[in-house]
Amino acid sequence: MLPGFHLHPLRRKSRSPQQKLAEKIALLKQKSFKQIGEVFEKFIPRTLLKQEQDGAMSRRRIFSKENTFWAFFSQVLDADGGCKEVIRKLQSYASIKGIKVPSSSTASYCIARKKLDERMLSEIFEHTADRLNKMPEAGFLNNRRVIVVDGTGVSMPDTPENQGAWPQWSSQKPGCGFPTARICACFSLESGALLSYAIGNKKSHELLLFRKQWPLFKRGDIFLGDKGFCSYFDIASLEKQAVDSVVTLARRAPVRTSGSLKKLGPDDLLITWERPRYNTKLSYSKEAWETLPPELVLRQLKVRVKYPGFRTQWFHIVTTLLDATRYPAEELAELYFKRWDVELFFRDIKMTMGLDILRCRTPEMIRKEILMYFIAYNCVRRLMYEAAKDADIKVRAVSFKGSVQALRSWEPHLNQAKISREERFRLISDLYDAMTNTPIRQRPGRSEPRCLKRRKKNYQLMSSPRHEITVIPHRSKYQAANA
C-alpha cells in the first residue's frame, strides 16, 4: 500500500550454522559433566573450581577445571570406574546436542586430570569433612564427639613408579605382586564422615600414621581404637590435649583386682600403668619419652560378649573415662561394640565404590585418585544425611550402597539435554525418596565372619614373572610351572 516504506523485521537476525555449532560446543564445554555436580553443589565450594587466570587449566576447553573435577568425581562413582566411561558420557551428551561426537581417545581427559592441583583437591576434601563434622551429635556419651580410627590397605597397578613409592611384600616374587599402600583414617562414629587420613607403605605402622592426624582432635573428643592403637605414649599424649581414649587392651597383662586402685563395679577396675622403659626400638625419641608422665591412671573393663557366634567371648578395654557414674560400663561396652562400624565404612569405600584396587600408574595420580574417592564418599554421606533429615529417620538406617546405586541411576536423567530448574529439584527430591524408602533393618549382634562362601576359580597361581611362566593345561593343578 505504501511503496518505498519498509519496516525492518522485529525478529532477531537468523544465526548462521557456524554460530549455532559454536553455541552448542560452548554449552558442551560448560555443562557436559556439571549435572552430577549440581546434586553436590551445596557441599563443595565453587570458588575452588573457578577457571585459572593463567597457566594450567586457564584455557576454555571441554575438559576445563570444573568439568575435569566433576568427570573425575563421576568416574569414581561409576560401577566401571574406567577413563573410557567418562569419554562415553561425553560422546552421548554431544550426540544429544547434535554435535559431532568427540574421539574415543582418553588422552585429553588423562592429561587434564594430571593438571588438577593436589592441594586444591585436599582443600575440597577438608571442606567436605568440615561440613560433616559440624553435624550435631546426639545423645551418646554426654553428646561428645567420638572419632574412630583404623587402617586398611589398597593395591595399584604394577609400575616401577608405584613400586618405588609403595613396594610390594618381600615374600612376593618380582613381577608376581602389586604395590600396596597402607591408609590410616579417622571417621566420625556418628555420621560416618572421613575426617582425615594418612598414607604410608608396608613399613609404616598404623600408629605412626595415626600420630600425623593428632591435630584433628579437639578438646573433649573421644578416641576409639582397636588393640593396634593401645599405646602408653598415644594415650598419654592425647590426654594432654584433653582427649579421652577407649581402646582394647594389648601388650600388657590385665590388672587383677588385688593390684588395682579401686573396684568400681563388677569387672570394672581403676588401675595404674607405669611408664615403659625407654629403648631404641620405640617409635618415639627419648626427649618425647621424658615428657610422658611416670604413670597413668586408667579404667579397665572386662567385657563379656553376650551375642552368640562371635569369635571372642570376652576382652578387656582400657579408657581414660574414669567416672563410672557419667560413663557406665555398659555404655562403654556398647561404644566399643559400635567400633565395628569403621570396618563397614572402609567396606563402603573399598568394595562399594572400588577403592580396593586403584587404576592410576604414577604416585602423583594415585594420591589424587585416593583424594577423589574420599571426596565422593563424604559427599554421598552428606547426601544420606540430608535425605535422612527430610525423611525423619536416622542416618544409620540409610544404605550407603543403595544411595550410590540411586545416584548412578539418577545421573543419566540429570544429564538430559533440556531440563528446567523445577524439574531438577523434583528429580533430586525423588532421589532422596529412593535413598530412604527402604531403611536398613537393624540386626544388632548379627555374626559377620571374615570368610568367603563363594569358591574361587581353580586357575593356577602366578608364581613367576609373566614372561617366564608356563601355563599348565590342566586347571586342577594349582602350582604354575617355570620355563
Protein backbone atom coordinates (compact mmCIF):
# COMPACT_ATOMS: atom_id res chain seq x y z
CA MET A 1 0.00 0.00 0.00
CA LEU A 2 2.88 2.36 0.75
CA PRO A 3 5.64 1.71 -1.77
CA GLY A 4 9.12 2.61 -0.62
CA PHE A 5 8.14 2.38 3.01
CA HIS A 6 9.55 -0.76 4.65
CA LEU A 7 9.69 -1.81 8.29
CA HIS A 8 12.67 -3.97 9.21
CA PRO A 9 11.59 -7.22 10.76
CA LEU A 10 11.50 -7.02 14.53
CA ARG A 11 12.79 -10.55 15.00
CA ARG A 12 16.45 -11.26 15.51
CA LYS A 13 18.71 -11.88 12.60
CA SER A 14 18.93 -15.58 11.87
CA ARG A 15 22.09 -17.24 13.11
CA SER A 16 24.44 -18.98 10.77
CA PRO A 17 25.11 -22.74 11.12
CA GLN A 18 28.61 -21.88 12.36
CA GLN A 19 27.20 -19.73 15.15
CA LYS A 20 24.74 -22.43 16.19
CA LEU A 21 27.54 -25.01 16.29
CA ALA A 22 29.76 -22.67 18.32
CA GLU A 23 26.98 -22.15 20.86
CA LYS A 24 26.43 -25.89 21.18
CA ILE A 25 30.14 -26.51 21.66
CA ALA A 26 30.27 -23.75 24.29
CA LEU A 27 27.37 -25.43 26.11
CA LEU A 28 29.16 -28.75 25.84
CA LYS A 29 32.26 -27.23 27.43
CA GLN A 30 30.22 -25.66 30.18
CA LYS A 31 27.65 -28.31 31.08
CA SER A 32 28.88 -31.73 29.90
CA PHE A 33 29.81 -33.05 33.36
CA LYS A 34 28.40 -30.47 35.77
CA GLN A 35 24.97 -32.08 36.15
CA ILE A 36 26.20 -34.54 38.78
CA GLY A 37 27.88 -31.55 40.45
CA GLU A 38 24.56 -29.76 40.82
CA VAL A 39 23.49 -32.50 43.25
CA PHE A 40 26.51 -31.76 45.45
CA GLU A 41 26.94 -28.04 44.80
CA LYS A 42 25.97 -27.25 48.41
CA PHE A 43 28.82 -29.40 49.73
CA ILE A 44 31.74 -28.28 47.52
CA PRO A 45 32.75 -24.60 47.22
CA ARG A 46 32.61 -23.32 43.65
CA THR A 47 35.40 -20.85 44.34
CA LEU A 48 37.92 -23.72 44.34
CA LEU A 49 36.74 -24.84 40.89
CA LYS A 50 36.98 -21.46 39.17
CA GLN A 51 38.92 -21.21 35.93
CA GLU A 52 42.56 -20.23 36.43
CA GLN A 53 43.69 -16.85 35.12
CA ASP A 54 46.88 -18.26 33.60
CA GLY A 55 48.90 -21.44 33.45
CA ALA A 56 47.36 -24.91 33.64
CA MET A 57 43.56 -25.09 33.42
CA SER A 58 43.33 -21.49 32.14
CA ARG A 59 42.13 -22.22 28.59
CA ARG A 60 38.45 -22.77 27.80
CA ARG A 61 38.34 -26.41 26.78
CA ILE A 62 35.82 -29.23 27.08
CA PHE A 63 37.92 -30.55 29.97
CA SER A 64 38.04 -27.32 31.91
CA LYS A 65 38.98 -27.32 35.57
CA GLU A 66 35.38 -27.68 36.72
CA ASN A 67 34.46 -30.25 34.07
CA THR A 68 37.57 -32.32 34.79
CA PHE A 69 36.87 -32.37 38.51
CA TRP A 70 33.27 -33.49 38.06
CA ALA A 71 34.31 -36.01 35.39
CA PHE A 72 36.84 -37.47 37.85
CA PHE A 73 34.15 -37.39 40.56
CA SER A 74 31.69 -39.20 38.31
CA GLN A 75 34.36 -41.74 37.38
CA VAL A 76 34.96 -42.89 40.96
CA LEU A 77 31.18 -43.17 41.49
CA ASP A 78 30.67 -45.33 38.39
CA ALA A 79 30.41 -49.08 38.69
CA ASP A 80 33.02 -49.49 35.94
CA GLY A 81 35.33 -46.68 37.07
CA GLY A 82 37.41 -46.51 33.88
CA CYS A 83 38.51 -43.42 31.96
CA LYS A 84 36.70 -44.71 28.88
CA GLU A 85 33.42 -44.42 30.80
CA VAL A 86 33.93 -40.66 31.08
CA ILE A 87 34.53 -40.35 27.32
CA ARG A 88 31.39 -42.37 26.58
CA LYS A 89 29.34 -39.95 28.70
CA LEU A 90 30.82 -37.02 26.79
CA GLN A 91 30.03 -38.68 23.48
CA SER A 92 26.43 -39.40 24.46
CA TYR A 93 25.94 -35.83 25.66
CA ALA A 94 27.37 -34.49 22.37
CA SER A 95 25.05 -36.79 20.44
CA ILE A 96 22.04 -35.41 22.35
CA LYS A 97 23.16 -31.86 21.49
CA GLY A 98 23.54 -32.74 17.81
CA ILE A 99 27.29 -32.06 17.82
CA LYS A 100 29.93 -34.17 16.15
CA VAL A 101 30.77 -36.97 18.55
CA PRO A 102 34.27 -36.50 20.03
CA SER A 103 37.04 -39.04 19.63
CA SER A 104 37.08 -42.17 21.82
CA SER A 105 40.65 -41.44 22.91
CA THR A 106 41.12 -40.84 26.66
CA ALA A 107 44.35 -38.86 26.18
CA SER A 108 42.80 -35.39 26.63
CA TYR A 109 40.95 -36.41 29.77
CA CYS A 110 44.00 -38.10 31.30
CA ILE A 111 46.15 -35.04 30.60
CA ALA A 112 43.50 -32.79 32.16
CA ARG A 113 43.40 -34.99 35.30
CA LYS A 114 47.16 -34.61 35.71
CA LYS A 115 46.73 -30.83 35.71
CA LEU A 116 44.36 -30.88 38.71
CA ASP A 117 46.18 -29.42 41.69
CA GLU A 118 46.53 -31.89 44.57
CA ARG A 119 46.37 -29.03 47.09
CA MET A 120 43.04 -27.93 45.60
CA LEU A 121 41.67 -31.47 45.99
CA SER A 122 42.93 -31.54 49.59
CA GLU A 123 41.10 -28.27 50.33
CA ILE A 124 37.89 -29.70 48.86
CA PHE A 125 38.26 -32.85 50.97
CA GLU A 126 38.84 -30.79 54.12
CA HIS A 127 35.75 -28.73 53.29
CA THR A 128 33.56 -31.84 52.91
CA ALA A 129 34.94 -33.25 56.17
CA ASP A 130 34.32 -29.95 57.95
CA ARG A 131 30.71 -29.78 56.74
CA LEU A 132 30.03 -33.29 58.05
CA ASN A 133 31.99 -32.57 61.22
CA LYS A 134 29.57 -29.76 62.12
CA MET A 135 26.59 -32.09 62.30
CA PRO A 136 25.00 -32.14 65.77
CA GLU A 137 25.96 -35.10 67.91
CA ALA A 138 23.02 -36.52 69.82
CA GLY A 139 22.57 -38.45 72.99
CA PHE A 140 25.64 -40.70 73.22
CA LEU A 141 28.34 -40.33 75.88
CA ASN A 142 27.05 -36.92 77.00
CA ASN A 143 26.95 -35.65 73.40
CA ARG A 144 30.72 -35.92 72.97
CA ARG A 145 32.23 -36.44 69.53
CA VAL A 146 33.63 -39.94 69.03
CA ILE A 147 36.38 -40.40 66.43
CA VAL A 148 37.06 -43.99 65.46
CA VAL A 149 40.43 -44.86 63.89
CA ASP A 150 41.52 -47.85 61.83
CA GLY A 151 43.79 -48.78 58.96
CA THR A 152 43.46 -50.65 55.68
CA GLY A 153 45.44 -51.46 52.55
CA VAL A 154 44.92 -50.83 48.84
CA SER A 155 46.70 -52.15 45.76
CA MET A 156 47.52 -50.46 42.47
CA PRO A 157 49.00 -51.17 39.01
CA ASP A 158 52.43 -52.78 38.99
CA THR A 159 54.56 -49.95 37.57
CA PRO A 160 58.15 -49.02 38.52
CA GLU A 161 56.98 -45.65 39.85
CA ASN A 162 54.36 -47.21 42.12
CA GLN A 163 56.77 -49.91 43.26
CA GLY A 164 59.25 -47.23 44.25
CA ALA A 165 56.73 -45.40 46.44
CA TRP A 166 54.78 -48.38 47.77
CA PRO A 167 56.82 -51.58 47.28
CA GLN A 168 55.21 -54.99 47.39
CA TRP A 169 55.86 -57.51 50.14
CA SER A 170 59.24 -59.25 50.10
CA SER A 171 57.51 -62.65 50.20
CA GLN A 172 56.21 -61.99 46.68
CA LYS A 173 58.47 -62.63 43.70
CA PRO A 174 59.23 -59.67 41.41
CA GLY A 175 56.61 -59.42 38.69
CA CYS A 176 54.09 -61.53 40.63
CA GLY A 177 52.76 -58.97 43.11
CA PHE A 178 51.34 -55.49 43.21
CA PRO A 179 52.39 -52.31 45.05
CA THR A 180 50.37 -51.84 48.23
CA ALA A 181 49.70 -48.66 50.19
CA ARG A 182 48.61 -48.51 53.81
CA ILE A 183 45.95 -45.97 54.79
CA CYS A 184 45.09 -44.94 58.35
CA ALA A 185 41.89 -42.91 58.58
CA CYS A 186 39.79 -41.15 61.23
CA PHE A 187 36.00 -41.35 60.94
CA SER A 188 33.17 -39.70 62.84
CA LEU A 189 31.33 -42.55 64.53
CA GLU A 190 28.04 -40.62 64.44
CA SER A 191 27.91 -39.61 60.77
CA GLY A 192 30.47 -41.95 59.18
CA ALA A 193 32.34 -38.97 57.71
CA LEU A 194 36.01 -39.44 56.86
CA LEU A 195 37.70 -36.58 58.72
CA SER A 196 41.40 -37.16 57.98
CA TYR A 197 43.80 -39.76 56.65
CA ALA A 198 47.48 -40.55 56.15
CA ILE A 199 49.13 -42.77 53.51
CA GLY A 200 52.16 -44.96 54.09
CA ASN A 201 53.81 -48.07 52.68
CA LYS A 202 54.30 -51.56 54.09
CA LYS A 203 56.90 -50.24 56.56
CA SER A 204 54.50 -47.64 58.02
CA HIS A 205 52.80 -48.78 61.20
CA GLU A 206 49.24 -47.58 61.75
CA LEU A 207 50.30 -45.84 64.97
CA LEU A 208 52.83 -43.69 63.10
CA LEU A 209 50.22 -42.72 60.53
CA PHE A 210 47.71 -42.04 63.29
CA ARG A 211 50.07 -39.61 65.06
CA LYS A 212 50.17 -37.43 61.95
CA GLN A 213 46.43 -36.85 62.46
CA TRP A 214 46.51 -35.70 66.09
CA PRO A 215 45.76 -32.05 65.10
CA LEU A 216 42.29 -33.25 64.06
CA PHE A 217 41.29 -33.90 67.67
CA LYS A 218 39.70 -31.16 69.72
CA ARG A 219 39.25 -30.73 73.42
CA GLY A 220 36.54 -33.09 74.69
CA ASP A 221 36.77 -35.63 71.85
CA ILE A 222 36.85 -39.39 72.46
CA PHE A 223 39.32 -41.54 70.53
CA LEU A 224 38.14 -45.09 69.80
CA GLY A 225 40.53 -47.74 68.50
CA ASP A 226 41.31 -51.44 68.48
CA LYS A 227 44.27 -53.19 70.12
CA GLY A 228 46.66 -51.92 67.44
CA PHE A 229 46.34 -48.43 68.98
CA CYS A 230 46.86 -49.49 72.61
CA SER A 231 49.97 -47.44 73.40
CA TYR A 232 51.06 -45.65 76.57
CA PHE A 233 52.62 -42.86 74.52
CA ASP A 234 49.47 -42.20 72.47
CA ILE A 235 47.01 -42.39 75.37
CA ALA A 236 49.15 -40.04 77.47
CA SER A 237 49.76 -37.61 74.59
CA LEU A 238 46.06 -37.39 73.73
CA GLU A 239 45.18 -36.91 77.40
CA LYS A 240 47.39 -33.80 77.40
CA GLN A 241 45.09 -32.44 74.67
CA ALA A 242 42.04 -33.22 76.87
CA VAL A 243 41.12 -36.09 74.54
CA ASP A 244 39.91 -39.32 76.15
CA SER A 245 40.72 -42.78 74.79
CA VAL A 246 38.85 -46.07 74.60
CA VAL A 247 40.98 -48.93 73.25
CA THR A 248 41.30 -52.69 73.57
CA LEU A 249 43.97 -53.87 75.97
CA ALA A 250 47.10 -55.21 74.23
CA ARG A 251 50.79 -55.80 75.01
CA ARG A 252 50.07 -55.70 78.76
CA ALA A 253 48.58 -58.30 81.07
CA PRO A 254 45.21 -57.37 82.60
CA VAL A 255 45.45 -56.00 86.14
CA ARG A 256 43.86 -58.19 88.78
CA THR A 257 41.52 -56.87 91.44
CA SER A 258 44.22 -57.20 94.10
CA GLY A 259 46.58 -54.95 92.10
CA SER A 260 44.03 -52.26 91.28
CA LEU A 261 43.50 -48.91 92.98
CA LYS A 262 39.75 -49.34 93.38
CA LYS A 263 36.94 -51.60 92.29
CA LEU A 264 34.27 -49.51 90.59
CA GLY A 265 31.92 -52.37 89.85
CA PRO A 266 31.77 -55.92 88.51
CA ASP A 267 34.73 -56.34 86.08
CA ASP A 268 35.34 -52.58 86.40
CA LEU A 269 38.68 -51.55 87.97
CA LEU A 270 40.62 -48.33 88.49
CA ILE A 271 44.26 -49.15 87.66
CA THR A 272 47.65 -47.54 87.04
CA TRP A 273 50.12 -48.07 84.24
CA GLU A 274 53.79 -47.34 84.74
CA ARG A 275 55.71 -45.59 82.00
CA PRO A 276 57.53 -48.17 79.86
CA ARG A 277 61.29 -48.28 79.94
CA TYR A 278 62.98 -46.47 77.11
CA ASN A 279 64.80 -48.42 74.44
CA THR A 280 65.92 -47.60 70.92
CA LYS A 281 63.23 -49.80 69.37
CA LEU A 282 60.47 -47.43 70.48
CA SER A 283 58.83 -45.39 67.74
CA TYR A 284 59.44 -42.07 69.52
CA SER A 285 62.53 -40.21 70.70
CA LYS A 286 63.98 -40.16 74.19
CA GLU A 287 63.03 -36.48 74.52
CA ALA A 288 59.39 -37.38 73.82
CA TRP A 289 59.63 -40.27 76.30
CA GLU A 290 60.90 -37.93 79.03
CA THR A 291 57.83 -35.71 78.64
CA LEU A 292 55.49 -38.62 79.45
CA PRO A 293 54.03 -38.84 82.97
CA PRO A 294 55.61 -41.51 85.24
CA GLU A 295 52.26 -43.30 85.44
CA LEU A 296 48.73 -43.18 84.04
CA VAL A 297 45.52 -43.70 85.99
CA LEU A 298 43.16 -45.68 83.78
CA ARG A 299 39.99 -47.67 83.97
CA GLN A 300 39.96 -51.34 82.96
CA LEU A 301 36.77 -53.11 81.92
CA LYS A 302 36.28 -56.78 81.22
CA VAL A 303 33.60 -57.06 78.55
CA ARG A 304 31.77 -60.33 78.04
CA VAL A 305 30.27 -60.80 74.57
CA LYS A 306 26.58 -61.56 75.02
CA TYR A 307 25.89 -62.31 71.36
CA PRO A 308 26.38 -65.92 70.17
CA GLY A 309 28.57 -66.76 67.19
CA PHE A 310 31.38 -64.27 67.88
CA ARG A 311 34.99 -65.45 67.79
CA THR A 312 35.84 -63.64 71.03
CA GLN A 313 33.87 -64.41 74.18
CA TRP A 314 35.44 -61.70 76.34
CA PHE A 315 38.09 -58.96 76.13
CA HIS A 316 39.45 -56.03 78.13
CA ILE A 317 39.03 -52.32 77.45
CA VAL A 318 41.19 -49.56 78.92
CA THR A 319 39.96 -45.97 78.96
CA THR A 320 40.68 -42.57 80.45
CA LEU A 321 36.95 -42.08 81.17
CA LEU A 322 37.26 -42.70 84.91
CA ASP A 323 33.83 -41.55 86.12
CA ALA A 324 31.73 -44.70 86.41
CA THR A 325 28.58 -42.64 87.05
CA ARG A 326 28.80 -40.47 83.92
CA TYR A 327 30.18 -43.30 81.78
CA PRO A 328 28.68 -46.63 82.90
CA ALA A 329 30.48 -49.83 81.96
CA GLU A 330 27.54 -50.98 79.82
CA GLU A 331 27.65 -47.77 77.78
CA LEU A 332 31.40 -48.09 77.16
CA ALA A 333 30.96 -51.73 76.14
CA GLU A 334 28.25 -50.66 73.69
CA LEU A 335 30.55 -47.92 72.38
CA TYR A 336 33.29 -50.42 71.62
CA PHE A 337 30.73 -52.71 70.02
CA LYS A 338 29.98 -49.85 67.59
CA ARG A 339 33.67 -49.73 66.69
CA TRP A 340 32.85 -52.38 64.11
CA ASP A 341 31.20 -49.61 62.07
CA VAL A 342 34.63 -48.43 60.93
CA GLU A 343 35.06 -51.77 59.15
CA LEU A 344 31.78 -51.08 57.36
CA PHE A 345 32.95 -47.55 56.45
CA PHE A 346 36.05 -48.99 54.80
CA ARG A 347 33.89 -51.62 53.09
CA ASP A 348 31.72 -48.84 51.64
CA ILE A 349 34.75 -47.07 50.19
CA LYS A 350 36.75 -50.10 49.07
CA MET A 351 34.14 -52.58 47.90
CA THR A 352 31.06 -50.48 47.04
CA MET A 353 32.99 -47.60 45.44
CA GLY A 354 36.04 -49.56 44.26
CA LEU A 355 38.99 -48.05 46.17
CA ASP A 356 40.33 -51.56 46.87
CA ILE A 357 42.18 -51.70 43.53
CA LEU A 358 43.34 -48.33 42.19
CA ARG A 359 43.90 -47.63 38.50
CA CYS A 360 46.44 -44.81 38.14
CA ARG A 361 50.02 -45.60 37.16
CA THR A 362 52.03 -42.93 38.99
CA PRO A 363 52.26 -42.00 42.70
CA GLU A 364 51.09 -38.46 41.97
CA MET A 365 47.89 -39.69 40.33
CA ILE A 366 47.41 -42.41 42.95
CA ARG A 367 47.27 -39.73 45.67
CA LYS A 368 44.76 -37.72 43.60
CA GLU A 369 42.66 -40.82 42.98
CA ILE A 370 42.53 -41.60 46.70
CA LEU A 371 41.53 -38.00 47.41
CA MET A 372 38.72 -38.16 44.85
CA TYR A 373 37.39 -41.37 46.39
CA PHE A 374 37.35 -39.74 49.84
CA ILE A 375 35.68 -36.58 48.49
CA ALA A 376 32.99 -38.63 46.75
CA TYR A 377 32.50 -40.77 49.88
CA ASN A 378 31.96 -37.71 52.09
CA CYS A 379 29.57 -36.19 49.55
CA VAL A 380 27.47 -39.37 49.48
CA ARG A 381 27.48 -39.39 53.30
CA ARG A 382 26.30 -35.79 53.32
CA LEU A 383 23.60 -36.64 50.79
CA MET A 384 22.48 -39.53 53.03
CA TYR A 385 22.30 -37.13 55.98
CA GLU A 386 20.16 -34.67 54.01
CA ALA A 387 17.86 -37.45 52.79
CA ALA A 388 17.51 -38.93 56.29
CA LYS A 389 16.70 -35.48 57.68
CA ASP A 390 13.94 -34.97 55.10
CA ALA A 391 12.53 -38.44 55.77
CA ASP A 392 12.82 -38.00 59.56
CA ILE A 393 14.78 -41.23 60.04
CA LYS A 394 18.22 -41.99 61.47
CA VAL A 395 21.12 -41.78 59.04
CA ARG A 396 22.28 -45.25 60.15
CA ALA A 397 19.09 -46.62 58.56
CA VAL A 398 20.08 -45.30 55.11
CA SER A 399 22.01 -47.76 52.96
CA PHE A 400 25.29 -46.46 51.55
CA LYS A 401 25.28 -48.95 48.68
CA GLY A 402 21.64 -48.17 47.94
CA SER A 403 22.48 -44.45 47.87
CA VAL A 404 25.35 -44.98 45.41
CA GLN A 405 23.10 -47.16 43.23
CA ALA A 406 20.43 -44.45 43.24
CA LEU A 407 22.98 -41.82 42.26
CA ARG A 408 24.23 -43.97 39.38
CA SER A 409 20.68 -44.48 38.15
CA TRP A 410 19.61 -40.83 38.52
CA GLU A 411 22.69 -39.35 36.82
CA PRO A 412 21.53 -40.01 33.20
CA HIS A 413 18.22 -38.28 33.93
CA LEU A 414 20.02 -35.28 35.41
CA ASN A 415 22.13 -35.18 32.24
CA GLN A 416 19.15 -34.62 29.95
CA ALA A 417 19.60 -32.05 27.21
CA LYS A 418 16.70 -29.83 28.29
CA ILE A 419 15.64 -29.82 31.91
CA SER A 420 14.17 -26.95 33.93
CA ARG A 421 15.22 -25.95 37.40
CA GLU A 422 11.89 -27.12 38.82
CA GLU A 423 12.29 -30.48 37.10
CA ARG A 424 15.81 -30.83 38.51
CA PHE A 425 14.53 -30.14 42.04
CA ARG A 426 11.82 -32.75 41.52
CA LEU A 427 14.39 -35.32 40.37
CA ILE A 428 16.62 -34.64 43.37
CA SER A 429 13.60 -34.91 45.70
CA ASP A 430 12.74 -38.27 44.13
CA LEU A 431 16.39 -39.28 44.55
CA TYR A 432 16.12 -38.57 48.29
CA ASP A 433 12.95 -40.66 48.47
CA ALA A 434 14.63 -43.55 46.67
CA MET A 435 17.52 -43.45 49.14
CA THR A 436 15.28 -43.58 52.20
CA ASN A 437 12.17 -45.56 51.22
CA THR A 438 13.80 -48.89 52.17
CA PRO A 439 15.54 -48.37 55.54
CA ILE A 440 18.12 -50.91 56.64
CA ARG A 441 16.74 -53.40 59.13
CA GLN A 442 18.87 -53.14 62.25
CA ARG A 443 20.14 -56.53 63.45
CA PRO A 444 22.37 -55.99 66.49
CA GLY A 445 24.61 -58.90 67.32
CA ARG A 446 24.45 -60.42 63.83
CA SER A 447 27.55 -62.55 63.22
CA GLU A 448 29.82 -61.21 60.45
CA PRO A 449 32.50 -63.92 59.96
CA ARG A 450 35.54 -62.95 57.89
CA CYS A 451 35.35 -65.81 55.42
CA LEU A 452 34.41 -66.44 51.80
CA LYS A 453 31.36 -68.52 50.93
CA ARG A 454 31.75 -68.46 47.14
CA ARG A 455 34.66 -70.57 45.93
CA LYS A 456 37.29 -69.07 43.65
CA LYS A 457 38.05 -70.36 40.16
CA ASN A 458 40.67 -73.10 40.12
CA TYR A 459 43.15 -71.23 37.97
CA GLN A 460 46.84 -71.69 38.63
CA LEU A 461 48.65 -69.07 40.70
CA MET A 462 51.28 -66.78 39.20
CA SER A 463 54.46 -67.81 40.99
CA SER A 464 56.95 -66.36 38.49
CA PRO A 465 57.08 -63.31 36.19
CA ARG A 466 54.76 -63.23 33.20
CA HIS A 467 57.49 -63.82 30.59
CA GLU A 468 58.82 -66.88 32.47
CA ILE A 469 55.62 -68.68 33.40
CA THR A 470 54.37 -71.77 31.60
CA VAL A 471 50.62 -72.26 31.58
CA ILE A 472 49.55 -75.66 32.86
CA PRO A 473 46.97 -77.27 30.54
CA HIS A 474 45.03 -78.79 33.46
CA ARG A 475 43.29 -76.19 35.66
CA SER A 476 43.01 -78.58 38.57
CA LYS A 477 46.73 -78.10 39.30
CA TYR A 478 47.42 -75.00 41.42
CA GLN A 479 51.17 -74.54 41.06
CA ALA A 480 52.42 -72.74 37.96
CA ALA A 481 55.48 -74.19 36.27
CA ASN A 482 58.52 -72.11 35.41
CA ALA A 483 60.02 -72.07 31.95
